[in-house]
N, C-alpha and C. Protein backbone atom coordinates (compact mmCIF):
# COMPACT_ATOMS: atom_id res chain seq x y z
N UNK A 1 49.02 36.16 -128.71
CA UNK A 1 48.60 35.51 -127.32
C UNK A 1 47.49 34.93 -127.78
N UNK A 2 47.52 34.05 -126.76
CA UNK A 2 45.93 32.83 -126.90
C UNK A 2 45.48 33.43 -125.57
N UNK A 3 43.86 33.03 -125.53
CA UNK A 3 43.29 33.65 -124.87
C UNK A 3 42.94 32.53 -123.75
N UNK A 4 43.35 32.80 -122.47
CA UNK A 4 43.38 31.82 -121.73
C UNK A 4 41.91 32.01 -120.56
N UNK A 5 41.17 30.63 -120.31
CA UNK A 5 39.88 31.09 -119.20
C UNK A 5 40.62 29.62 -118.24
N UNK A 6 39.83 29.89 -116.81
CA UNK A 6 39.72 28.68 -115.79
C UNK A 6 38.53 28.80 -115.51
N UNK A 7 37.74 27.29 -115.59
CA UNK A 7 37.16 27.36 -114.79
C UNK A 7 36.61 26.40 -114.03
N UNK A 8 36.07 26.62 -112.04
CA UNK A 8 36.52 25.05 -111.04
C UNK A 8 35.39 24.87 -110.99
N UNK A 9 35.11 23.21 -111.43
CA UNK A 9 33.98 22.72 -111.58
C UNK A 9 33.79 22.45 -110.41
N UNK A 10 34.25 22.01 -109.60
CA UNK A 10 34.75 20.83 -108.34
C UNK A 10 34.02 21.04 -107.43
N UNK A 11 33.16 19.96 -107.16
CA UNK A 11 31.77 19.24 -106.22
C UNK A 11 30.63 19.53 -107.17
N UNK A 12 30.40 20.10 -108.02
CA UNK A 12 29.34 19.64 -109.34
C UNK A 12 29.58 18.65 -109.85
N UNK A 13 28.10 18.18 -109.98
CA UNK A 13 27.86 16.70 -110.43
C UNK A 13 27.44 17.04 -111.69
N UNK A 14 27.59 15.91 -112.46
CA UNK A 14 27.26 15.63 -114.25
C UNK A 14 25.11 16.12 -114.12
N UNK A 15 25.40 16.50 -114.96
CA UNK A 15 26.07 17.14 -115.97
C UNK A 15 26.50 18.89 -115.75
N UNK A 16 26.63 19.26 -115.29
CA UNK A 16 27.08 20.72 -114.99
C UNK A 16 28.23 20.94 -115.08
N UNK A 17 29.52 20.12 -115.06
CA UNK A 17 31.08 20.74 -115.41
C UNK A 17 30.66 20.88 -117.00
N UNK A 18 30.21 20.01 -117.63
CA UNK A 18 30.16 19.99 -119.01
C UNK A 18 29.20 21.28 -119.46
N UNK A 19 28.37 21.50 -118.90
CA UNK A 19 27.27 22.41 -119.39
C UNK A 19 27.96 23.73 -118.60
N UNK A 20 28.80 24.00 -118.09
CA UNK A 20 29.50 25.44 -117.41
C UNK A 20 30.27 25.53 -118.15
N UNK A 21 31.34 24.07 -118.35
CA UNK A 21 32.44 24.67 -119.25
C UNK A 21 31.64 25.07 -120.64
N UNK A 22 31.01 24.98 -121.25
CA UNK A 22 30.30 25.34 -122.63
C UNK A 22 30.21 26.61 -122.27
N UNK A 23 29.41 26.77 -121.54
CA UNK A 23 28.99 28.48 -120.87
C UNK A 23 30.65 29.49 -121.14
N UNK A 24 31.45 28.82 -120.42
CA UNK A 24 32.69 29.52 -120.28
C UNK A 24 33.43 29.80 -121.86
N UNK A 25 32.83 28.66 -122.56
CA UNK A 25 33.70 28.69 -123.46
C UNK A 25 32.86 29.65 -124.74
N UNK A 26 31.79 30.05 -124.62
CA UNK A 26 31.28 31.29 -125.11
C UNK A 26 32.20 32.28 -124.83
N UNK A 27 32.89 32.37 -124.09
CA UNK A 27 33.48 33.72 -123.86
C UNK A 27 34.55 33.85 -124.39
N UNK A 28 35.50 32.74 -124.88
CA UNK A 28 36.39 32.51 -125.53
C UNK A 28 36.33 32.69 -127.14
N UNK A 29 37.44 33.30 -127.78
CA UNK A 29 37.51 33.37 -129.44
C UNK A 29 38.21 32.19 -129.52
N UNK A 30 38.13 32.12 -131.09
CA UNK A 30 38.46 30.67 -131.43
C UNK A 30 39.69 30.40 -131.67
N UNK A 31 40.22 29.35 -131.28
CA UNK A 31 41.42 29.02 -130.53
C UNK A 31 41.99 29.49 -129.42
N UNK A 32 41.08 29.95 -128.38
CA UNK A 32 41.32 30.12 -127.08
C UNK A 32 41.26 28.57 -125.97
N UNK A 33 42.04 29.24 -124.85
CA UNK A 33 42.27 27.59 -124.33
C UNK A 33 41.14 28.01 -122.98
N UNK A 34 40.71 26.89 -121.98
CA UNK A 34 39.72 26.46 -120.69
C UNK A 34 40.20 25.64 -120.34
N UNK A 35 40.54 25.91 -119.23
CA UNK A 35 41.27 24.86 -118.17
C UNK A 35 40.19 24.46 -117.31
N UNK A 36 39.41 23.18 -117.04
CA UNK A 36 38.38 23.15 -116.56
C UNK A 36 38.80 22.26 -115.27
N UNK A 37 38.77 22.27 -114.60
CA UNK A 37 39.48 21.41 -112.89
C UNK A 37 37.67 20.22 -112.31
N UNK A 38 37.63 19.39 -112.34
CA UNK A 38 36.16 18.78 -111.68
C UNK A 38 36.49 17.64 -110.58
N UNK A 39 35.79 17.21 -110.24
CA UNK A 39 35.75 16.57 -109.25
C UNK A 39 34.94 15.04 -109.38
N UNK A 40 33.88 15.47 -110.25
CA UNK A 40 32.71 14.09 -110.69
C UNK A 40 33.58 13.28 -111.49
N UNK A 41 33.69 11.96 -110.81
CA UNK A 41 34.28 10.51 -111.84
C UNK A 41 33.54 10.58 -113.33
N UNK A 42 32.57 11.08 -113.72
CA UNK A 42 31.44 11.21 -114.74
C UNK A 42 32.50 11.90 -115.76
N UNK A 43 32.86 13.03 -115.39
CA UNK A 43 33.89 13.80 -116.33
C UNK A 43 34.81 13.62 -117.01
N UNK A 44 35.39 12.45 -116.66
CA UNK A 44 36.42 11.76 -117.24
C UNK A 44 35.77 11.69 -118.68
N UNK A 45 34.90 10.81 -118.68
CA UNK A 45 33.91 10.14 -120.12
C UNK A 45 33.63 11.37 -120.51
N UNK A 46 32.35 12.45 -119.88
CA UNK A 46 31.63 13.58 -120.45
C UNK A 46 32.71 14.75 -121.32
N UNK A 47 33.97 14.82 -120.55
CA UNK A 47 34.58 16.03 -121.60
C UNK A 47 35.47 15.11 -122.84
N UNK A 48 35.56 14.19 -122.87
CA UNK A 48 36.17 13.70 -124.69
C UNK A 48 34.69 13.64 -125.00
N UNK A 49 33.77 13.33 -124.79
CA UNK A 49 32.58 13.38 -125.58
C UNK A 49 32.26 14.50 -126.21
N UNK A 50 31.91 15.38 -125.12
CA UNK A 50 31.58 16.67 -125.54
C UNK A 50 32.59 17.21 -126.21
N UNK A 51 34.06 16.78 -126.36
CA UNK A 51 34.11 17.48 -127.22
C UNK A 51 34.50 17.17 -128.72
N UNK A 52 34.27 15.65 -128.57
CA UNK A 52 34.22 14.94 -130.23
C UNK A 52 32.82 15.22 -130.90
N UNK A 53 31.82 15.79 -129.84
CA UNK A 53 30.28 16.35 -130.24
C UNK A 53 30.45 17.79 -130.78
N UNK A 54 30.99 18.30 -130.12
CA UNK A 54 31.25 19.86 -130.39
C UNK A 54 31.96 20.30 -131.27
N UNK A 55 33.11 19.55 -131.72
CA UNK A 55 34.33 20.07 -132.22
C UNK A 55 35.67 20.62 -132.11
N UNK A 56 35.14 20.99 -130.56
CA UNK A 56 36.18 21.89 -129.55
C UNK A 56 37.25 20.53 -129.55
N UNK A 57 38.91 20.80 -129.32
CA UNK A 57 39.86 20.15 -129.41
C UNK A 57 40.25 19.80 -127.38
N UNK A 58 40.26 18.74 -127.22
CA UNK A 58 40.73 18.40 -125.85
C UNK A 58 42.41 18.11 -125.62
N UNK A 59 42.77 19.30 -125.68
CA UNK A 59 44.43 19.12 -125.85
C UNK A 59 44.70 18.08 -124.48
N UNK A 60 44.70 18.32 -123.37
CA UNK A 60 45.33 17.65 -122.27
C UNK A 60 43.65 17.03 -121.42
N UNK A 61 44.27 15.90 -120.91
CA UNK A 61 43.07 15.75 -119.44
C UNK A 61 44.13 14.96 -118.97
N UNK A 62 44.16 15.63 -117.27
CA UNK A 62 45.05 14.75 -116.22
C UNK A 62 44.95 14.73 -115.10
N UNK A 63 45.51 13.83 -114.01
CA UNK A 63 44.62 14.07 -112.89
C UNK A 63 45.60 14.91 -111.42
N UNK A 64 44.82 15.64 -110.75
CA UNK A 64 45.79 16.01 -109.69
C UNK A 64 45.36 15.54 -108.19
N UNK A 65 45.50 14.54 -107.87
CA UNK A 65 44.84 14.10 -106.93
C UNK A 65 43.45 13.25 -107.26
N UNK A 66 42.44 14.15 -106.65
CA UNK A 66 40.83 13.62 -106.41
C UNK A 66 40.61 14.32 -108.40
N UNK A 67 41.38 15.56 -108.51
CA UNK A 67 41.11 17.22 -109.21
C UNK A 67 41.66 16.71 -110.59
N UNK A 68 40.39 16.25 -111.40
CA UNK A 68 40.43 16.17 -112.72
C UNK A 68 40.70 17.48 -113.84
N UNK A 69 41.75 17.52 -114.34
CA UNK A 69 41.73 18.70 -115.08
C UNK A 69 42.13 18.61 -116.37
N UNK A 70 41.14 19.40 -117.40
CA UNK A 70 40.82 19.31 -118.65
C UNK A 70 41.55 20.30 -119.62
N UNK A 71 41.98 20.49 -120.59
CA UNK A 71 42.25 21.71 -121.52
C UNK A 71 41.51 21.46 -122.97
N UNK A 72 40.79 22.32 -122.90
CA UNK A 72 39.93 22.82 -124.26
C UNK A 72 40.55 23.81 -124.88
N UNK A 73 40.22 23.44 -126.36
CA UNK A 73 40.58 24.40 -127.39
C UNK A 73 39.39 24.92 -128.02
N UNK A 74 39.22 26.05 -128.28
CA UNK A 74 37.91 26.43 -129.10
C UNK A 74 38.22 26.17 -130.27
N UNK A 75 36.78 25.86 -131.05
CA UNK A 75 37.12 25.69 -132.08
C UNK A 75 36.41 26.51 -132.80
């Protein structure tokens, strides 16, 4: 079974959503999934860049109204 965590970064501004998500990823085993919800428009570019730089996999990114939802697999 895949370990999963969720982090609500709504209301936080850049760079806090990525920094806090990175902290949460440390709690996961390799292969674990982190779902992040963010409202900062910059997150749309920040999370793909973060994943490219760190080697984590951006499994999906979507939008639920004003909320951006990212699913990241820890590498």
